[in-house]
């Protein structure tokens, strides 16, 4: 009985179980939320706005420091910024 049962179980796992697991995760992967062009555009706009605001804060701190030599920036002192090469997707 074992000589017949074991090959049936192995064949069932190979030809039914394994494809079922693979197709299950392929389906889950395709249903995962994706970033849309509108979302990407909004992220680019927010990145540019944050960069401009940081430049403005740094400018104001330099002006205040020039006018008042005793002024020392607190926790909001300019931190080193890292440049990210962001090229907007202009496929439109």
PDB file of N, CA and C in Angstrom:
ATOM      1  N   UNK A   1       0.823  -1.198   0.000  1.00  0.00           N
ATOM      2  CA  UNK A   1       0.000   0.000   0.000  1.00  0.00           C
ATOM      3  C   UNK A   1       0.867   1.263   0.000  1.00  0.00           C
ATOM      4  N   UNK A   2       1.973   1.234   0.765  1.00  0.00           N
ATOM      5  CA  UNK A   2       2.863   2.394   0.806  1.00  0.00           C
ATOM      6  C   UNK A   2       3.554   2.616  -0.522  1.00  0.00           C
ATOM      7  N   UNK A   3       3.810   1.549  -1.247  1.00  0.00           N
ATOM      8  CA  UNK A   3       4.489   1.672  -2.532  1.00  0.00           C
ATOM      9  C   UNK A   3       3.641   2.441  -3.544  1.00  0.00           C
ATOM     10  N   UNK A   4       2.338   2.447  -3.390  1.00  0.00           N
ATOM     11  CA  UNK A   4       1.444   3.155  -4.304  1.00  0.00           C
ATOM     12  C   UNK A   4       1.107   4.541  -3.756  1.00  0.00           C
ATOM     13  N   UNK A   5       0.952   4.655  -2.447  1.00  0.00           N
ATOM     14  CA  UNK A   5       0.506   5.902  -1.827  1.00  0.00           C
ATOM     15  C   UNK A   5       1.561   7.011  -1.920  1.00  0.00           C
ATOM     16  N   UNK A   6       2.819   6.701  -1.663  1.00  0.00           N
ATOM     17  CA  UNK A   6       3.889   7.707  -1.661  1.00  0.00           C
ATOM     18  C   UNK A   6       4.078   8.358  -3.035  1.00  0.00           C
ATOM     19  N   UNK A   7       4.148   7.617  -4.150  1.00  0.00           N
ATOM     20  CA  UNK A   7       4.271   8.285  -5.458  1.00  0.00           C
ATOM     21  C   UNK A   7       3.058   9.146  -5.816  1.00  0.00           C
ATOM     22  N   UNK A   8       1.865   8.755  -5.383  1.00  0.00           N
ATOM     23  CA  UNK A   8       0.667   9.560  -5.651  1.00  0.00           C
ATOM     24  C   UNK A   8       0.749  10.883  -4.907  1.00  0.00           C
ATOM     25  N   UNK A   9       1.198  10.849  -3.668  1.00  0.00           N
ATOM     26  CA  UNK A   9       1.328  12.076  -2.875  1.00  0.00           C
ATOM     27  C   UNK A   9       2.391  12.984  -3.486  1.00  0.00           C
ATOM     28  N   UNK A  10       3.510  12.412  -3.875  1.00  0.00           N
ATOM     29  CA  UNK A  10       4.589  13.217  -4.465  1.00  0.00           C
ATOM     30  C   UNK A  10       4.133  13.842  -5.778  1.00  0.00           C
ATOM     31  N   UNK A  11       3.478  13.072  -6.635  1.00  0.00           N
ATOM     32  CA  UNK A  11       2.979  13.618  -7.906  1.00  0.00           C
ATOM     33  C   UNK A  11       1.932  14.699  -7.658  1.00  0.00           C
ATOM     34  N   UNK A  12       1.084  14.505  -6.668  1.00  0.00           N
ATOM     35  CA  UNK A  12       0.074  15.515  -6.330  1.00  0.00           C
ATOM     36  C   UNK A  12       0.714  16.807  -5.876  1.00  0.00           C
ATOM     37  N   UNK A  13       1.758  16.689  -5.051  1.00  0.00           N
ATOM     38  CA  UNK A  13       2.443  17.894  -4.588  1.00  0.00           C
ATOM     39  C   UNK A  13       3.151  18.597  -5.743  1.00  0.00           C
ATOM     40  N   UNK A  14       3.754  17.849  -6.652  1.00  0.00           N
ATOM     41  CA  UNK A  14       4.481  18.456  -7.761  1.00  0.00           C
ATOM     42  C   UNK A  14       3.564  19.103  -8.791  1.00  0.00           C
ATOM     43  N   UNK A  15       2.495  18.413  -9.153  1.00  0.00           N
ATOM     44  CA  UNK A  15       1.653  18.880 -10.253  1.00  0.00           C
ATOM     45  C   UNK A  15       0.435  19.686  -9.822  1.00  0.00           C
ATOM     46  N   UNK A  16       0.110  19.676  -8.535  1.00  0.00           N
ATOM     47  CA  UNK A  16      -1.030  20.458  -8.054  1.00  0.00           C
ATOM     48  C   UNK A  16      -0.577  21.499  -7.037  1.00  0.00           C
ATOM     49  N   UNK A  17       0.148  21.079  -6.018  1.00  0.00           N
ATOM     50  CA  UNK A  17       0.537  21.977  -4.926  1.00  0.00           C
ATOM     51  C   UNK A  17       1.495  23.074  -5.353  1.00  0.00           C
ATOM     52  N   UNK A  18       2.560  22.703  -6.030  1.00  0.00           N
ATOM     53  CA  UNK A  18       3.562  23.684  -6.434  1.00  0.00           C
ATOM     54  C   UNK A  18       2.999  24.739  -7.401  1.00  0.00           C
ATOM     55  N   UNK A  19       2.286  24.342  -8.467  1.00  0.00           N
ATOM     56  CA  UNK A  19       1.684  25.387  -9.329  1.00  0.00           C
ATOM     57  C   UNK A  19       0.669  26.251  -8.598  1.00  0.00           C
ATOM     58  N   UNK A  20      -0.079  25.649  -7.664  1.00  0.00           N
ATOM     59  CA  UNK A  20      -1.053  26.431  -6.908  1.00  0.00           C
ATOM     60  C   UNK A  20      -0.350  27.510  -6.102  1.00  0.00           C
ATOM     61  N   UNK A  21       0.734  27.182  -5.439  1.00  0.00           N
ATOM     62  CA  UNK A  21       1.479  28.170  -4.648  1.00  0.00           C
ATOM     63  C   UNK A  21       2.050  29.261  -5.565  1.00  0.00           C
ATOM     64  N   UNK A  22       2.625  28.871  -6.688  1.00  0.00           N
ATOM     65  CA  UNK A  22       3.213  29.844  -7.609  1.00  0.00           C
ATOM     66  C   UNK A  22       2.145  30.792  -8.152  1.00  0.00           C
ATOM     67  N   UNK A  23       1.032  30.254  -8.631  1.00  0.00           N
ATOM     68  CA  UNK A  23      -0.022  31.112  -9.181  1.00  0.00           C
ATOM     69  C   UNK A  23      -0.682  31.968  -8.100  1.00  0.00           C
ATOM     70  N   UNK A  24      -0.757  31.453  -6.876  1.00  0.00           N
ATOM     71  CA  UNK A  24      -1.319  32.239  -5.770  1.00  0.00           C
ATOM     72  C   UNK A  24      -0.491  33.500  -5.552  1.00  0.00           C
ATOM     73  N   UNK A  25       0.823  33.374  -5.486  1.00  0.00           N
ATOM     74  CA  UNK A  25       1.670  34.537  -5.238  1.00  0.00           C
ATOM     75  C   UNK A  25       1.789  35.442  -6.462  1.00  0.00           C
ATOM     76  N   UNK A  26       1.680  34.907  -7.661  1.00  0.00           N
ATOM     77  CA  UNK A  26       1.636  35.758  -8.849  1.00  0.00           C
ATOM     78  C   UNK A  26       0.382  36.630  -8.810  1.00  0.00           C
ATOM     79  N   UNK A  27      -0.736  36.057  -8.414  1.00  0.00           N
ATOM     80  CA  UNK A  27      -1.980  36.812  -8.297  1.00  0.00           C
ATOM     81  C   UNK A  27      -1.861  37.895  -7.237  1.00  0.00           C
ATOM     82  N   UNK A  28      -1.289  37.562  -6.091  1.00  0.00           N
ATOM     83  CA  UNK A  28      -1.104  38.555  -5.029  1.00  0.00           C
ATOM     84  C   UNK A  28      -0.188  39.684  -5.493  1.00  0.00           C
ATOM     85  N   UNK A  29       0.848  39.363  -6.247  1.00  0.00           N
ATOM     86  CA  UNK A  29       1.784  40.362  -6.743  1.00  0.00           C
ATOM     87  C   UNK A  29       1.094  41.322  -7.712  1.00  0.00           C
ATOM     88  N   UNK A  30       0.245  40.786  -8.577  1.00  0.00           N
ATOM     89  CA  UNK A  30      -0.464  41.636  -9.546  1.00  0.00           C
ATOM     90  C   UNK A  30      -1.518  42.511  -8.882  1.00  0.00           C
ATOM     91  N   UNK A  31      -2.066  42.086  -7.754  1.00  0.00           N
ATOM     92  CA  UNK A  31      -3.085  42.866  -7.066  1.00  0.00           C
ATOM     93  C   UNK A  31      -2.487  43.929  -6.155  1.00  0.00           C
ATOM     94  N   UNK A  32      -1.181  43.896  -5.960  1.00  0.00           N
ATOM     95  CA  UNK A  32      -0.526  44.866  -5.087  1.00  0.00           C
ATOM     96  C   UNK A  32      -0.705  46.268  -5.657  1.00  0.00           C
ATOM     97  N   UNK A  33      -0.899  47.261  -4.784  1.00  0.00           N
ATOM     98  CA  UNK A  33      -1.087  48.625  -5.284  1.00  0.00           C
ATOM     99  C   UNK A  33       0.178  49.137  -5.960  1.00  0.00           C
ATOM    100  N   UNK A  34      -0.028  49.849  -7.030  1.00  0.00           N
ATOM    101  CA  UNK A  34       1.082  50.405  -7.803  1.00  0.00           C
ATOM    102  C   UNK A  34       0.982  51.923  -7.793  1.00  0.00           C
ATOM    103  N   UNK A  35       2.116  52.574  -7.936  1.00  0.00           N
ATOM    104  CA  UNK A  35       2.117  54.030  -7.966  1.00  0.00           C
ATOM    105  C   UNK A  35       1.678  54.492  -9.352  1.00  0.00           C
ATOM    106  N   UNK A  36       0.763  55.416  -9.363  1.00  0.00           N
ATOM    107  CA  UNK A  36       0.252  55.930 -10.632  1.00  0.00           C
ATOM    108  C   UNK A  36       1.081  57.127 -11.075  1.00  0.00           C
ATOM    109  N   UNK A  37       0.875  57.563 -12.302  1.00  0.00           N
ATOM    110  CA  UNK A  37       1.590  58.740 -12.804  1.00  0.00           C
ATOM    111  C   UNK A  37       1.224  59.975 -11.993  1.00  0.00           C
ATOM    112  N   UNK A  38      -0.038  60.057 -11.593  1.00  0.00           N
ATOM    113  CA  UNK A  38      -0.466  61.203 -10.780  1.00  0.00           C
ATOM    114  C   UNK A  38       0.244  61.198  -9.435  1.00  0.00           C
ATOM    115  N   UNK A  39       0.373  60.019  -8.816  1.00  0.00           N
ATOM    116  CA  UNK A  39       1.081  59.918  -7.535  1.00  0.00           C
ATOM    117  C   UNK A  39       2.554  60.298  -7.704  1.00  0.00           C
ATOM    118  N   UNK A  40       3.162  59.857  -8.787  1.00  0.00           N
ATOM    119  CA  UNK A  40       4.564  60.178  -9.042  1.00  0.00           C
ATOM    120  C   UNK A  40       4.745  61.676  -9.257  1.00  0.00           C
ATOM    121  N   UNK A  41       3.822  62.290  -9.975  1.00  0.00           N
ATOM    122  CA  UNK A  41       3.871  63.730 -10.201  1.00  0.00           C
ATOM    123  C   UNK A  41       3.737  64.487  -8.877  1.00  0.00           C
ATOM    124  N   UNK A  42       2.808  64.030  -8.025  1.00  0.00           N
ATOM    125  CA  UNK A  42       2.608  64.675  -6.737  1.00  0.00           C
ATOM    126  C   UNK A  42       3.858  64.532  -5.860  1.00  0.00           C
ATOM    127  N   UNK A  43       4.514  63.373  -5.874  1.00  0.00           N
ATOM    128  CA  UNK A  43       5.741  63.192  -5.106  1.00  0.00           C
ATOM    129  C   UNK A  43       6.844  64.115  -5.607  1.00  0.00           C
ATOM    130  N   UNK A  44       6.962  64.278  -6.907  1.00  0.00           N
ATOM    131  CA  UNK A  44       7.955  65.197  -7.464  1.00  0.00           C
ATOM    132  C   UNK A  44       7.678  66.638  -7.028  1.00  0.00           C
ATOM    133  N   UNK A  45       6.408  67.030  -7.054  1.00  0.00           N
ATOM    134  CA  UNK A  45       6.050  68.385  -6.623  1.00  0.00           C
ATOM    135  C   UNK A  45       6.374  68.589  -5.149  1.00  0.00           C
ATOM    136  N   UNK A  46       6.064  67.599  -4.315  1.00  0.00           N
ATOM    137  CA  UNK A  46       6.357  67.716  -2.890  1.00  0.00           C
ATOM    138  C   UNK A  46       7.858  67.763  -2.638  1.00  0.00           C
ATOM    139  N   UNK A  47       8.634  66.992  -3.396  1.00  0.00           N
ATOM    140  CA  UNK A  47      10.092  67.019  -3.256  1.00  0.00           C
ATOM    141  C   UNK A  47      10.627  68.405  -3.604  1.00  0.00           C
ATOM    142  N   UNK A  48      10.157  68.978  -4.710  1.00  0.00           N
ATOM    143  CA  UNK A  48      10.606  70.312  -5.118  1.00  0.00           C
ATOM    144  C   UNK A  48      10.198  71.369  -4.102  1.00  0.00           C
ATOM    145  N   UNK A  49       8.995  71.269  -3.564  1.00  0.00           N
ATOM    146  CA  UNK A  49       8.532  72.219  -2.552  1.00  0.00           C
ATOM    147  C   UNK A  49       9.386  72.122  -1.289  1.00  0.00           C
ATOM    148  N   UNK A  50       9.668  70.909  -0.838  1.00  0.00           N
ATOM    149  CA  UNK A  50      10.496  70.731   0.362  1.00  0.00           C
ATOM    150  C   UNK A  50      11.898  71.292   0.140  1.00  0.00           C
ATOM    151  N   UNK A  51      12.454  71.083  -1.030  1.00  0.00           N
ATOM    152  CA  UNK A  51      13.787  71.601  -1.340  1.00  0.00           C
ATOM    153  C   UNK A  51      13.787  73.131  -1.316  1.00  0.00           C
ATOM    154  N   UNK A  52      12.757  73.750  -1.920  1.00  0.00           N
ATOM    155  CA  UNK A  52      12.670  75.213  -1.937  1.00  0.00           C
ATOM    156  C   UNK A  52      12.489  75.779  -0.526  1.00  0.00           C
ATOM    157  N   UNK A  53      11.642  75.097   0.288  1.00  0.00           N
ATOM    158  CA  UNK A  53      11.432  75.566   1.654  1.00  0.00           C
ATOM    159  C   UNK A  53      12.717  75.463   2.477  1.00  0.00           C
ATOM    160  N   UNK A  54      13.476  74.401   2.267  1.00  0.00           N
ATOM    161  CA  UNK A  54      14.743  74.261   2.981  1.00  0.00           C
ATOM    162  C   UNK A  54      15.713  75.373   2.595  1.00  0.00           C
ATOM    163  N   UNK A  55      15.762  75.717   1.312  1.00  0.00           N
ATOM    164  CA  UNK A  55      16.618  76.810   0.862  1.00  0.00           C
ATOM    165  C   UNK A  55      16.188  78.131   1.496  1.00  0.00           C
ATOM    166  N   UNK A  56      14.889  78.371   1.603  1.00  0.00           N
ATOM    167  CA  UNK A  56      14.388  79.606   2.205  1.00  0.00           C
ATOM    168  C   UNK A  56      14.756  79.687   3.681  1.00  0.00           C
ATOM    169  N   UNK A  57      14.592  78.578   4.406  1.00  0.00           N
ATOM    170  CA  UNK A  57      14.948  78.569   5.836  1.00  0.00           C
ATOM    171  C   UNK A  57      16.433  78.836   6.003  1.00  0.00           C
ATOM    172  N   UNK A  58      17.255  78.213   5.190  1.00  0.00           N
ATOM    173  CA  UNK A  58      18.702  78.453   5.276  1.00  0.00           C
ATOM    174  C   UNK A  58      19.039  79.907   4.981  1.00  0.00           C
ATOM    175  N   UNK A  59      18.355  80.511   4.012  1.00  0.00           N
ATOM    176  CA  UNK A  59      18.582  81.919   3.685  1.00  0.00           C
ATOM    177  C   UNK A  59      18.195  82.812   4.849  1.00  0.00           C
ATOM    178  N   UNK A  60      17.052  82.563   5.453  1.00  0.00           N
ATOM    179  CA  UNK A  60      16.605  83.364   6.600  1.00  0.00           C
ATOM    180  C   UNK A  60      17.596  83.224   7.749  1.00  0.00           C
ATOM    181  N   UNK A  61      18.082  82.021   8.009  1.00  0.00           N
ATOM    182  CA  UNK A  61      19.043  81.828   9.097  1.00  0.00           C
ATOM    183  C   UNK A  61      20.350  82.566   8.811  1.00  0.00           C
ATOM    184  N   UNK A  62      20.791  82.584   7.563  1.00  0.00           N
ATOM    185  CA  UNK A  62      22.007  83.336   7.224  1.00  0.00           C
ATOM    186  C   UNK A  62      21.790  84.836   7.418  1.00  0.00           C
ATOM    187  N   UNK A  63      20.624  85.347   7.034  1.00  0.00           N
ATOM    188  CA  UNK A  63      20.329  86.773   7.197  1.00  0.00           C
ATOM    189  C   UNK A  63      20.297  87.140   8.677  1.00  0.00           C
ATOM    190  N   UNK A  64      19.636  86.324   9.478  1.00  0.00           N
ATOM    191  CA  UNK A  64      19.559  86.599  10.923  1.00  0.00           C
ATOM    192  C   UNK A  64      20.943  86.524  11.543  1.00  0.00           C
ATOM    193  N   UNK A  65      21.742  85.553  11.150  1.00  0.00           N
ATOM    194  CA  UNK A  65      23.091  85.431  11.691  1.00  0.00           C
ATOM    195  C   UNK A  65      23.950  86.622  11.284  1.00  0.00           C
ATOM    196  N   UNK A  66      23.756  87.154  10.087  1.00  0.00           N
ATOM    197  CA  UNK A  66      24.526  88.321   9.641  1.00  0.00           C
ATOM    198  C   UNK A  66      24.107  89.573  10.402  1.00  0.00           C
ATOM    199  N   UNK A  67      22.805  89.717  10.705  1.00  0.00           N
ATOM    200  CA  UNK A  67      22.305  90.887  11.425  1.00  0.00           C
ATOM    201  C   UNK A  67      22.611  90.824  12.909  1.00  0.00           C
ATOM    202  N   UNK A  68      22.629  89.644  13.472  1.00  0.00           N
ATOM    203  CA  UNK A  68      22.829  89.474  14.906  1.00  0.00           C
ATOM    204  C   UNK A  68      23.936  88.447  15.125  1.00  0.00           C
ATOM    205  N   UNK A  69      25.163  88.889  15.348  1.00  0.00           N
ATOM    206  CA  UNK A  69      26.275  87.950  15.470  1.00  0.00           C
ATOM    207  C   UNK A  69      26.156  87.020  16.675  1.00  0.00           C
ATOM    208  N   UNK A  70      25.386  87.411  17.692  1.00  0.00           N
ATOM    209  CA  UNK A  70      25.243  86.561  18.876  1.00  0.00           C
ATOM    210  C   UNK A  70      24.192  85.467  18.689  1.00  0.00           C
ATOM    211  N   UNK A  71      23.433  85.581  17.618  1.00  0.00           N
ATOM    212  CA  UNK A  71      22.386  84.580  17.363  1.00  0.00           C
ATOM    213  C   UNK A  71      23.020  83.275  16.949  1.00  0.00           C
ATOM    214  N   UNK A  72      22.574  82.219  17.592  1.00  0.00           N
ATOM    215  CA  UNK A  72      23.065  80.884  17.225  1.00  0.00           C
ATOM    216  C   UNK A  72      21.856  80.038  16.871  1.00  0.00           C
ATOM    217  N   UNK A  73      21.913  79.391  15.756  1.00  0.00           N
ATOM    218  CA  UNK A  73      20.770  78.552  15.382  1.00  0.00           C
ATOM    219  C   UNK A  73      20.597  77.423  16.390  1.00  0.00           C
ATOM    220  N   UNK A  74      19.347  77.127  16.669  1.00  0.00           N
ATOM    221  CA  UNK A  74      19.040  76.072  17.631  1.00  0.00           C
ATOM    222  C   UNK A  74      18.981  74.719  16.969  1.00  0.00           C
ATOM    223  N   UNK A  75      17.951  73.986  17.277  1.00  0.00           N
ATOM    224  CA  UNK A  75      17.792  72.642  16.719  1.00  0.00           C
ATOM    225  C   UNK A  75      17.536  72.675  15.221  1.00  0.00           C
ATOM    226  N   UNK A  76      17.081  73.806  14.720  1.00  0.00           N
ATOM    227  CA  UNK A  76      16.761  73.907  13.294  1.00  0.00           C
ATOM    228  C   UNK A  76      17.945  74.400  12.472  1.00  0.00           C
ATOM    229  N   UNK A  77      19.145  74.184  12.993  1.00  0.00           N
ATOM    230  CA  UNK A  77      20.312  74.627  12.236  1.00  0.00           C
ATOM    231  C   UNK A  77      20.399  73.848  10.939  1.00  0.00           C
ATOM    232  N   UNK A  78      20.956  74.463   9.923  1.00  0.00           N
ATOM    233  CA  UNK A  78      21.015  73.780   8.624  1.00  0.00           C
ATOM    234  C   UNK A  78      21.836  72.498   8.719  1.00  0.00           C
ATOM    235  N   UNK A  79      21.241  71.447   8.319  1.00  0.00           N
ATOM    236  CA  UNK A  79      21.907  70.159   8.280  1.00  0.00           C
ATOM    237  C   UNK A  79      22.486  69.971   6.892  1.00  0.00           C
ATOM    238  N   UNK A  80      23.514  69.165   6.780  1.00  0.00           N
ATOM    239  CA  UNK A  80      24.025  68.913   5.432  1.00  0.00           C
ATOM    240  C   UNK A  80      22.941  68.273   4.581  1.00  0.00           C
ATOM    241  N   UNK A  81      22.789  68.780   3.399  1.00  0.00           N
ATOM    242  CA  UNK A  81      21.769  68.228   2.515  1.00  0.00           C
ATOM    243  C   UNK A  81      22.433  67.327   1.491  1.00  0.00           C
ATOM    244  N   UNK A  82      21.737  66.347   1.100  1.00  0.00           N
ATOM    245  CA  UNK A  82      22.224  65.398   0.117  1.00  0.00           C
ATOM    246  C   UNK A  82      21.464  65.629  -1.170  1.00  0.00           C
ATOM    247  N   UNK A  83      22.185  65.822  -2.230  1.00  0.00           N
ATOM    248  CA  UNK A  83      21.554  66.076  -3.519  1.00  0.00           C
ATOM    249  C   UNK A  83      21.106  64.760  -4.134  1.00  0.00           C
ATOM    250  N   UNK A  84      19.866  64.705  -4.518  1.00  0.00           N
ATOM    251  CA  UNK A  84      19.319  63.543  -5.196  1.00  0.00           C
ATOM    252  C   UNK A  84      19.052  63.959  -6.627  1.00  0.00           C
ATOM    253  N   UNK A  85      19.637  63.246  -7.536  1.00  0.00           N
ATOM    254  CA  UNK A  85      19.411  63.551  -8.944  1.00  0.00           C
ATOM    255  C   UNK A  85      18.045  63.031  -9.342  1.00  0.00           C
ATOM    256  N   UNK A  86      17.051  63.913  -9.333  1.00  0.00           N
ATOM    257  CA  UNK A  86      15.691  63.530  -9.687  1.00  0.00           C
ATOM    258  C   UNK A  86      15.374  64.162 -11.023  1.00  0.00           C
ATOM    259  N   UNK A  87      15.194  63.357 -11.994  1.00  0.00           N
ATOM    260  CA  UNK A  87      14.790  63.837 -13.308  1.00  0.00           C
ATOM    261  C   UNK A  87      13.321  63.495 -13.482  1.00  0.00           C
ATOM    262  N   UNK A  88      12.462  64.488 -13.654  1.00  0.00           N
ATOM    263  CA  UNK A  88      11.039  64.170 -13.838  1.00  0.00           C
ATOM    264  C   UNK A  88      10.825  63.357 -15.100  1.00  0.00           C
ATOM    265  N   UNK A  89       9.881  62.466 -14.997  1.00  0.00           N
ATOM    266  CA  UNK A  89       9.547  61.606 -16.117  1.00  0.00           C
ATOM    267  C   UNK A  89       8.727  62.415 -17.116  1.00  0.00           C
ATOM    268  N   UNK A  90       9.310  62.751 -18.216  1.00  0.00           N
ATOM    269  CA  UNK A  90       8.644  63.593 -19.218  1.00  0.00           C
ATOM    270  C   UNK A  90       8.257  62.764 -20.435  1.00  0.00           C
ATOM    271  N   UNK A  91       7.536  61.686 -20.178  1.00  0.00           N
ATOM    272  CA  UNK A  91       7.133  60.801 -21.283  1.00  0.00           C
ATOM    273  C   UNK A  91       5.817  61.246 -21.912  1.00  0.00           C
ATOM    274  N   UNK A  92       5.256  62.370 -21.432  1.00  0.00           N
ATOM    275  CA  UNK A  92       3.960  62.833 -21.963  1.00  0.00           C
ATOM    276  C   UNK A  92       4.154  63.416 -23.319  1.00  0.00           C
TER     277      UNK A  92
END
